[in-house]
Amino acid sequence: NGWREVFNSSGIPFIYAQLPNFMDVNYMPSESNWAELR
């Protein structure tokens, strides 16, 4: 919203990359900050 306001373009396409997989594989269900950010 901030960039759309300063560029005076309310509907400008905004395309972003979700974080990829990274760090050790955990073979049991677990908590994850990276999953929460995704």
All heavy atoms as atom14 arrays in JSON, in Angstrom:
{
  "sequence": "NGWREVFNSSGIPFIYAQLPNFMDVNYMPSESNWAELR",
  "atom14_mask": [
    [1, 1, 1, 1, 1, 1, 1, 1, 0, 0, 0, 0, 0, 0],
    [1, 1, 1, 1, 0, 0, 0, 0, 0, 0, 0, 0, 0, 0],
    [1, 1, 1, 1, 1, 1, 1, 1, 1, 1, 1, 1, 1, 1],
    [1, 1, 1, 1, 1, 1, 1, 1, 1, 1, 1, 0, 0, 0],
    [1, 1, 1, 1, 1, 1, 1, 1, 1, 0, 0, 0, 0, 0],
    [1, 1, 1, 1, 1, 1, 1, 0, 0, 0, 0, 0, 0, 0],
    [1, 1, 1, 1, 1, 1, 1, 1, 1, 1, 1, 0, 0, 0],
    [1, 1, 1, 1, 1, 1, 1, 1, 0, 0, 0, 0, 0, 0],
    [1, 1, 1, 1, 1, 1, 0, 0, 0, 0, 0, 0, 0, 0],
    [1, 1, 1, 1, 1, 1, 0, 0, 0, 0, 0, 0, 0, 0],
    [1, 1, 1, 1, 0, 0, 0, 0, 0, 0, 0, 0, 0, 0],
    [1, 1, 1, 1, 1, 1, 1, 1, 0, 0, 0, 0, 0, 0],
    [1, 1, 1, 1, 1, 1, 1, 0, 0, 0, 0, 0, 0, 0],
    [1, 1, 1, 1, 1, 1, 1, 1, 1, 1, 1, 0, 0, 0],
    [1, 1, 1, 1, 1, 1, 1, 1, 0, 0, 0, 0, 0, 0],
    [1, 1, 1, 1, 1, 1, 1, 1, 1, 1, 1, 1, 0, 0],
    [1, 1, 1, 1, 1, 0, 0, 0, 0, 0, 0, 0, 0, 0],
    [1, 1, 1, 1, 1, 1, 1, 1, 1, 0, 0, 0, 0, 0],
    [1, 1, 1, 1, 1, 1, 1, 1, 0, 0, 0, 0, 0, 0],
    [1, 1, 1, 1, 1, 1, 1, 0, 0, 0, 0, 0, 0, 0],
    [1, 1, 1, 1, 1, 1, 1, 1, 0, 0, 0, 0, 0, 0],
    [1, 1, 1, 1, 1, 1, 1, 1, 1, 1, 1, 0, 0, 0],
    [1, 1, 1, 1, 1, 1, 1, 1, 0, 0, 0, 0, 0, 0],
    [1, 1, 1, 1, 1, 1, 1, 1, 0, 0, 0, 0, 0, 0],
    [1, 1, 1, 1, 1, 1, 1, 0, 0, 0, 0, 0, 0, 0],
    [1, 1, 1, 1, 1, 1, 1, 1, 0, 0, 0, 0, 0, 0],
    [1, 1, 1, 1, 1, 1, 1, 1, 1, 1, 1, 1, 0, 0],
    [1, 1, 1, 1, 1, 1, 1, 1, 0, 0, 0, 0, 0, 0],
    [1, 1, 1, 1, 1, 1, 1, 0, 0, 0, 0, 0, 0, 0],
    [1, 1, 1, 1, 1, 1, 0, 0, 0, 0, 0, 0, 0, 0],
    [1, 1, 1, 1, 1, 1, 1, 1, 1, 0, 0, 0, 0, 0],
    [1, 1, 1, 1, 1, 1, 0, 0, 0, 0, 0, 0, 0, 0],
    [1, 1, 1, 1, 1, 1, 1, 1, 0, 0, 0, 0, 0, 0],
    [1, 1, 1, 1, 1, 1, 1, 1, 1, 1, 1, 1, 1, 1],
    [1, 1, 1, 1, 1, 0, 0, 0, 0, 0, 0, 0, 0, 0],
    [1, 1, 1, 1, 1, 1, 1, 1, 1, 0, 0, 0, 0, 0],
    [1, 1, 1, 1, 1, 1, 1, 1, 0, 0, 0, 0, 0, 0],
    [1, 1, 1, 1, 1, 1, 1, 1, 1, 1, 1, 0, 0, 0]
  ],
  "atom14_positions": [
    [[0.83, -1.21, 0.0], [0.0, 0.0, 0.0], [0.86, 1.26, 0.0], [0.52, 2.25, -0.65], [-0.93, 0.0, 1.21], [-1.95, -1.13, 1.16], [-2.35, -1.56, 0.07], [-2.36, -1.64, 2.31], [0.0, 0.0, 0.0], [0.0, 0.0, 0.0], [0.0, 0.0, 0.0], [0.0, 0.0, 0.0], [0.0, 0.0, 0.0], [0.0, 0.0, 0.0]],
    [[1.97, 1.21, 0.74], [2.85, 2.37, 0.79], [3.47, 2.69, -0.56], [3.5, 3.85, -0.99], [0.0, 0.0, 0.0], [0.0, 0.0, 0.0], [0.0, 0.0, 0.0], [0.0, 0.0, 0.0], [0.0, 0.0, 0.0], [0.0, 0.0, 0.0], [0.0, 0.0, 0.0], [0.0, 0.0, 0.0], [0.0, 0.0, 0.0], [0.0, 0.0, 0.0]],
    [[3.96, 1.67, -1.25], [4.57, 1.91, -2.56], [3.52, 2.32, -3.59], [3.79, 3.17, -4.45], [5.32, 0.66, -3.02], [6.69, 0.56, -2.38], [7.14, 1.25, -1.31], [7.77, -0.27, -2.81], [8.42, 0.89, -1.01], [8.83, -0.04, -1.91], [7.93, -1.2, -3.82], [10.07, -0.7, -2.03], [9.15, -1.86, -3.94], [10.2, -1.61, -3.06]],
    [[2.34, 1.75, -3.51], [1.29, 2.17, -4.44], [0.92, 3.63, -4.21], [0.62, 4.36, -5.16], [0.07, 1.26, -4.28], [0.27, -0.1, -4.92], [-0.86, -1.07, -4.66], [-0.73, -2.26, -5.51], [-1.48, -3.34, -5.42], [-2.46, -3.38, -4.51], [-1.29, -4.37, -6.23], [0.0, 0.0, 0.0], [0.0, 0.0, 0.0], [0.0, 0.0, 0.0]],
    [[0.98, 4.06, -2.96], [0.67, 5.47, -2.66], [1.75, 6.39, -3.2], [1.45, 7.38, -3.87], [0.51, 5.66, -1.15], [0.19, 7.09, -0.75], [-0.01, 7.26, 0.74], [-0.18, 6.23, 1.45], [0.01, 8.42, 1.21], [0.0, 0.0, 0.0], [0.0, 0.0, 0.0], [0.0, 0.0, 0.0], [0.0, 0.0, 0.0], [0.0, 0.0, 0.0]],
    [[3.03, 6.08, -2.92], [4.09, 7.01, -3.32], [4.29, 7.03, -4.82], [4.71, 8.05, -5.39], [5.42, 6.7, -2.59], [5.27, 6.89, -1.09], [5.93, 5.3, -2.92], [0.0, 0.0, 0.0], [0.0, 0.0, 0.0], [0.0, 0.0, 0.0], [0.0, 0.0, 0.0], [0.0, 0.0, 0.0], [0.0, 0.0, 0.0], [0.0, 0.0, 0.0]],
    [[4.0, 5.91, -5.5], [4.09, 5.9, -6.97], [2.78, 6.35, -7.62], [2.68, 6.35, -8.85], [4.45, 4.5, -7.46], [5.92, 4.19, -7.39], [6.43, 3.43, -6.34], [6.8, 4.67, -8.34], [7.78, 3.14, -6.25], [8.16, 4.39, -8.27], [8.66, 3.63, -7.22], [0.0, 0.0, 0.0], [0.0, 0.0, 0.0], [0.0, 0.0, 0.0]],
    [[1.8, 6.71, -6.78], [0.52, 7.21, -7.28], [-0.09, 6.24, -8.28], [-0.55, 6.61, -9.36], [0.69, 8.6, -7.92], [-0.64, 9.3, -8.14], [-1.6, 9.07, -7.4], [-0.71, 10.15, -9.15], [0.0, 0.0, 0.0], [0.0, 0.0, 0.0], [0.0, 0.0, 0.0], [0.0, 0.0, 0.0], [0.0, 0.0, 0.0], [0.0, 0.0, 0.0]],
    [[-0.09, 4.95, -7.9], [-0.6, 3.91, -8.78], [-1.26, 2.84, -7.93], [-0.63, 1.86, -7.51], [0.55, 3.31, -9.61], [0.06, 2.35, -10.51], [0.0, 0.0, 0.0], [0.0, 0.0, 0.0], [0.0, 0.0, 0.0], [0.0, 0.0, 0.0], [0.0, 0.0, 0.0], [0.0, 0.0, 0.0], [0.0, 0.0, 0.0], [0.0, 0.0, 0.0]],
    [[-2.55, 3.01, -7.66], [-3.23, 2.18, -6.67], [-3.35, 0.72, -7.06], [-3.47, -0.15, -6.2], [-4.63, 2.74, -6.4], [-5.4, 2.75, -7.59], [0.0, 0.0, 0.0], [0.0, 0.0, 0.0], [0.0, 0.0, 0.0], [0.0, 0.0, 0.0], [0.0, 0.0, 0.0], [0.0, 0.0, 0.0], [0.0, 0.0, 0.0], [0.0, 0.0, 0.0]],
    [[-3.31, 0.43, -8.35], [-3.49, -0.96, -8.77], [-2.27, -1.56, -9.43], [-2.37, -2.59, -10.1], [0.0, 0.0, 0.0], [0.0, 0.0, 0.0], [0.0, 0.0, 0.0], [0.0, 0.0, 0.0], [0.0, 0.0, 0.0], [0.0, 0.0, 0.0], [0.0, 0.0, 0.0], [0.0, 0.0, 0.0], [0.0, 0.0, 0.0], [0.0, 0.0, 0.0]],
    [[-1.1, -0.97, -9.23], [0.09, -1.47, -9.91], [0.34, -2.93, -9.53], [0.26, -3.3, -8.36], [1.31, -0.59, -9.58], [2.49, -0.97, -10.48], [1.69, -0.67, -8.11], [3.66, 0.0, -10.39], [0.0, 0.0, 0.0], [0.0, 0.0, 0.0], [0.0, 0.0, 0.0], [0.0, 0.0, 0.0], [0.0, 0.0, 0.0], [0.0, 0.0, 0.0]],
    [[0.61, -3.8, -10.51], [0.86, -5.22, -10.19], [2.05, -5.37, -9.23], [3.11, -4.77, -9.44], [1.18, -5.83, -11.55], [0.49, -4.94, -12.53], [0.59, -3.56, -11.96], [0.0, 0.0, 0.0], [0.0, 0.0, 0.0], [0.0, 0.0, 0.0], [0.0, 0.0, 0.0], [0.0, 0.0, 0.0], [0.0, 0.0, 0.0], [0.0, 0.0, 0.0]],
    [[1.85, -6.16, -8.22], [2.89, -6.42, -7.22], [3.08, -7.93, -7.14], [2.2, -8.65, -6.68], [2.49, -5.85, -5.86], [3.61, -5.79, -4.86], [4.26, -4.6, -4.6], [4.02, -6.94, -4.17], [5.3, -4.54, -3.67], [5.05, -6.89, -3.26], [5.7, -5.69, -3.0], [0.0, 0.0, 0.0], [0.0, 0.0, 0.0], [0.0, 0.0, 0.0]],
    [[4.23, -8.4, -7.62], [4.51, -9.83, -7.72], [5.67, -10.17, -6.8], [6.72, -9.52, -6.86], [4.84, -10.22, -9.17], [3.64, -9.89, -10.08], [5.23, -11.68, -9.27], [3.97, -9.92, -11.55], [0.0, 0.0, 0.0], [0.0, 0.0, 0.0], [0.0, 0.0, 0.0], [0.0, 0.0, 0.0], [0.0, 0.0, 0.0], [0.0, 0.0, 0.0]],
    [[5.5, -11.16, -5.95], [6.56, -11.45, -4.98], [6.83, -12.95, -4.89], [5.99, -13.79, -5.21], [6.23, -10.87, -3.61], [4.94, -11.34, -2.98], [4.93, -12.39, -2.07], [3.73, -10.72, -3.28], [3.75, -12.81, -1.48], [2.54, -11.13, -2.7], [2.55, -12.18, -1.8], [1.39, -12.6, -1.21], [0.0, 0.0, 0.0], [0.0, 0.0, 0.0]],
    [[8.04, -13.26, -4.45], [8.49, -14.64, -4.32], [8.32, -15.12, -2.89], [8.81, -14.49, -1.96], [9.96, -14.76, -4.74], [0.0, 0.0, 0.0], [0.0, 0.0, 0.0], [0.0, 0.0, 0.0], [0.0, 0.0, 0.0], [0.0, 0.0, 0.0], [0.0, 0.0, 0.0], [0.0, 0.0, 0.0], [0.0, 0.0, 0.0], [0.0, 0.0, 0.0]],
    [[7.63, -16.24, -2.72], [7.57, -16.87, -1.41], [8.91, -17.55, -1.13], [9.58, -18.05, -2.04], [6.44, -17.9, -1.38], [6.14, -18.46, 0.0], [5.07, -19.53, -0.05], [5.23, -20.53, -0.76], [3.98, -19.34, 0.68], [0.0, 0.0, 0.0], [0.0, 0.0, 0.0], [0.0, 0.0, 0.0], [0.0, 0.0, 0.0], [0.0, 0.0, 0.0]],
    [[9.32, -17.56, 0.14], [10.62, -18.12, 0.48], [10.7, -19.6, 0.09], [9.77, -20.37, 0.31], [10.89, -17.99, 1.98], [11.15, -16.59, 2.52], [11.54, -16.68, 3.99], [12.23, -15.88, 1.73], [0.0, 0.0, 0.0], [0.0, 0.0, 0.0], [0.0, 0.0, 0.0], [0.0, 0.0, 0.0], [0.0, 0.0, 0.0], [0.0, 0.0, 0.0]],
    [[11.85, -20.02, -0.45], [12.03, -21.43, -0.8], [12.38, -22.26, 0.42], [12.51, -21.75, 1.54], [13.21, -21.38, -1.78], [14.01, -20.2, -1.32], [13.01, -19.2, -0.83], [0.0, 0.0, 0.0], [0.0, 0.0, 0.0], [0.0, 0.0, 0.0], [0.0, 0.0, 0.0], [0.0, 0.0, 0.0], [0.0, 0.0, 0.0], [0.0, 0.0, 0.0]],
    [[12.56, -23.55, 0.21], [13.01, -24.45, 1.26], [14.47, -24.17, 1.61], [15.28, -23.83, 0.74], [12.85, -25.9, 0.82], [13.45, -26.17, -0.56], [13.17, -25.45, -1.51], [14.25, -27.21, -0.67], [0.0, 0.0, 0.0], [0.0, 0.0, 0.0], [0.0, 0.0, 0.0], [0.0, 0.0, 0.0], [0.0, 0.0, 0.0], [0.0, 0.0, 0.0]],
    [[14.82, -24.32, 2.89], [16.18, -24.02, 3.34], [16.41, -24.69, 4.7], [15.48, -24.87, 5.47], [16.37, -22.49, 3.46], [17.69, -22.07, 4.02], [18.88, -22.52, 3.47], [17.76, -21.21, 5.11], [20.1, -22.13, 3.99], [18.97, -20.81, 5.64], [20.15, -21.27, 5.08], [0.0, 0.0, 0.0], [0.0, 0.0, 0.0], [0.0, 0.0, 0.0]],
    [[17.65, -25.03, 4.97], [18.15, -25.63, 6.21], [17.85, -27.13, 6.26], [17.43, -27.75, 5.29], [17.62, -24.89, 7.44], [18.11, -23.43, 7.49], [17.66, -22.54, 9.0], [15.91, -22.29, 8.76], [0.0, 0.0, 0.0], [0.0, 0.0, 0.0], [0.0, 0.0, 0.0], [0.0, 0.0, 0.0], [0.0, 0.0, 0.0], [0.0, 0.0, 0.0]],
    [[18.08, -27.73, 7.44], [17.99, -29.18, 7.58], [16.56, -29.67, 7.37], [15.59, -29.01, 7.75], [18.45, -29.61, 8.98], [19.92, -29.34, 9.21], [20.66, -29.19, 8.22], [20.33, -29.28, 10.38], [0.0, 0.0, 0.0], [0.0, 0.0, 0.0], [0.0, 0.0, 0.0], [0.0, 0.0, 0.0], [0.0, 0.0, 0.0], [0.0, 0.0, 0.0]],
    [[16.46, -30.87, 6.8], [15.17, -31.54, 6.68], [14.83, -32.16, 8.03], [15.66, -32.82, 8.66], [15.22, -32.64, 5.6], [13.92, -33.44, 5.59], [15.48, -32.03, 4.23], [0.0, 0.0, 0.0], [0.0, 0.0, 0.0], [0.0, 0.0, 0.0], [0.0, 0.0, 0.0], [0.0, 0.0, 0.0], [0.0, 0.0, 0.0], [0.0, 0.0, 0.0]],
    [[13.61, -31.9, 8.5], [13.13, -32.51, 9.74], [12.08, -33.56, 9.35], [11.07, -33.23, 8.74], [12.52, -31.46, 10.66], [12.26, -31.97, 12.05], [12.06, -33.17, 12.24], [12.25, -31.08, 13.04], [0.0, 0.0, 0.0], [0.0, 0.0, 0.0], [0.0, 0.0, 0.0], [0.0, 0.0, 0.0], [0.0, 0.0, 0.0], [0.0, 0.0, 0.0]],
    [[12.34, -34.81, 9.74], [11.46, -35.89, 9.3], [10.28, -36.12, 10.24], [9.52, -37.07, 10.05], [12.28, -37.16, 9.11], [13.17, -37.08, 7.88], [14.48, -36.63, 7.98], [12.68, -37.4, 6.63], [15.29, -36.53, 6.85], [13.47, -37.31, 5.5], [14.78, -36.86, 5.61], [15.57, -36.76, 4.5], [0.0, 0.0, 0.0], [0.0, 0.0, 0.0]],
    [[10.13, -35.27, 11.24], [8.95, -35.3, 12.1], [8.23, -33.96, 11.99], [8.85, -32.92, 11.78], [9.37, -35.55, 13.55], [9.93, -36.93, 13.8], [8.71, -38.24, 13.5], [7.57, -37.92, 14.85], [0.0, 0.0, 0.0], [0.0, 0.0, 0.0], [0.0, 0.0, 0.0], [0.0, 0.0, 0.0], [0.0, 0.0, 0.0], [0.0, 0.0, 0.0]],
    [[6.9, -33.94, 12.14], [6.18, -32.66, 12.14], [6.76, -31.74, 13.22], [7.04, -32.17, 14.34], [4.74, -33.06, 12.45], [4.64, -34.48, 12.02], [5.99, -35.09, 12.3], [0.0, 0.0, 0.0], [0.0, 0.0, 0.0], [0.0, 0.0, 0.0], [0.0, 0.0, 0.0], [0.0, 0.0, 0.0], [0.0, 0.0, 0.0], [0.0, 0.0, 0.0]],
    [[6.94, -30.49, 12.86], [7.61, -29.58, 13.8], [7.17, -28.15, 13.55], [6.52, -27.84, 12.55], [9.13, -29.69, 13.65], [9.53, -29.34, 12.32], [0.0, 0.0, 0.0], [0.0, 0.0, 0.0], [0.0, 0.0, 0.0], [0.0, 0.0, 0.0], [0.0, 0.0, 0.0], [0.0, 0.0, 0.0], [0.0, 0.0, 0.0], [0.0, 0.0, 0.0]],
    [[7.57, -27.27, 14.46], [7.32, -25.84, 14.28], [8.39, -25.25, 13.36], [9.49, -25.8, 13.22], [7.33, -25.12, 15.63], [6.31, -25.65, 16.61], [4.9, -25.6, 16.06], [4.53, -24.57, 15.46], [4.16, -26.59, 16.24], [0.0, 0.0, 0.0], [0.0, 0.0, 0.0], [0.0, 0.0, 0.0], [0.0, 0.0, 0.0], [0.0, 0.0, 0.0]],
    [[8.1, -24.11, 12.76], [9.04, -23.53, 11.81], [8.76, -22.05, 11.6], [7.66, -21.68, 11.18], [8.95, -24.25, 10.46], [9.59, -23.52, 9.43], [0.0, 0.0, 0.0], [0.0, 0.0, 0.0], [0.0, 0.0, 0.0], [0.0, 0.0, 0.0], [0.0, 0.0, 0.0], [0.0, 0.0, 0.0], [0.0, 0.0, 0.0], [0.0, 0.0, 0.0]],
    [[9.76, -21.22, 11.87], [9.62, -19.79, 11.57], [9.53, -19.54, 10.07], [8.81, -18.63, 9.62], [10.81, -19.02, 12.15], [10.62, -18.68, 13.61], [9.78, -19.27, 14.29], [11.38, -17.73, 14.1], [0.0, 0.0, 0.0], [0.0, 0.0, 0.0], [0.0, 0.0, 0.0], [0.0, 0.0, 0.0], [0.0, 0.0, 0.0], [0.0, 0.0, 0.0]],
    [[10.28, -20.31, 9.29], [10.23, -20.12, 7.84], [8.84, -20.46, 7.32], [8.33, -19.78, 6.42], [11.31, -20.96, 7.16], [12.64, -20.26, 7.18], [13.36, -19.91, 8.28], [13.38, -19.81, 6.04], [14.52, -19.27, 7.9], [14.56, -19.2, 6.53], [13.19, -19.87, 4.67], [15.52, -18.65, 5.69], [14.15, -19.33, 3.83], [15.3, -18.72, 4.33]],
    [[8.21, -21.5, 7.87], [6.85, -21.83, 7.44], [5.87, -20.73, 7.83], [4.97, -20.39, 7.07], [6.43, -23.16, 8.06], [0.0, 0.0, 0.0], [0.0, 0.0, 0.0], [0.0, 0.0, 0.0], [0.0, 0.0, 0.0], [0.0, 0.0, 0.0], [0.0, 0.0, 0.0], [0.0, 0.0, 0.0], [0.0, 0.0, 0.0], [0.0, 0.0, 0.0]],
    [[6.06, -20.16, 9.02], [5.18, -19.06, 9.45], [5.34, -17.85, 8.55], [4.36, -17.17, 8.23], [5.47, -18.69, 10.91], [4.94, -19.69, 11.91], [4.88, -19.12, 13.32], [4.44, -17.96, 13.47], [5.27, -19.82, 14.25], [0.0, 0.0, 0.0], [0.0, 0.0, 0.0], [0.0, 0.0, 0.0], [0.0, 0.0, 0.0], [0.0, 0.0, 0.0]],
    [[6.58, -17.57, 8.13], [6.75, -16.41, 7.25], [6.12, -16.68, 5.89], [5.49, -15.79, 5.3], [8.22, -16.05, 7.1], [8.38, -14.67, 6.44], [9.25, -13.75, 7.26], [8.87, -14.77, 5.01], [0.0, 0.0, 0.0], [0.0, 0.0, 0.0], [0.0, 0.0, 0.0], [0.0, 0.0, 0.0], [0.0, 0.0, 0.0], [0.0, 0.0, 0.0]],
    [[6.26, -17.91, 5.39], [5.58, -18.25, 4.13], [4.07, -18.07, 4.27], [3.4, -17.63, 3.33], [5.9, -19.69, 3.72], [7.36, -19.91, 3.34], [7.6, -21.32, 2.81], [9.02, -21.63, 2.83], [9.6, -22.52, 3.64], [8.86, -23.21, 4.49], [10.9, -22.72, 3.59], [0.0, 0.0, 0.0], [0.0, 0.0, 0.0], [0.0, 0.0, 0.0]]
  ]
}
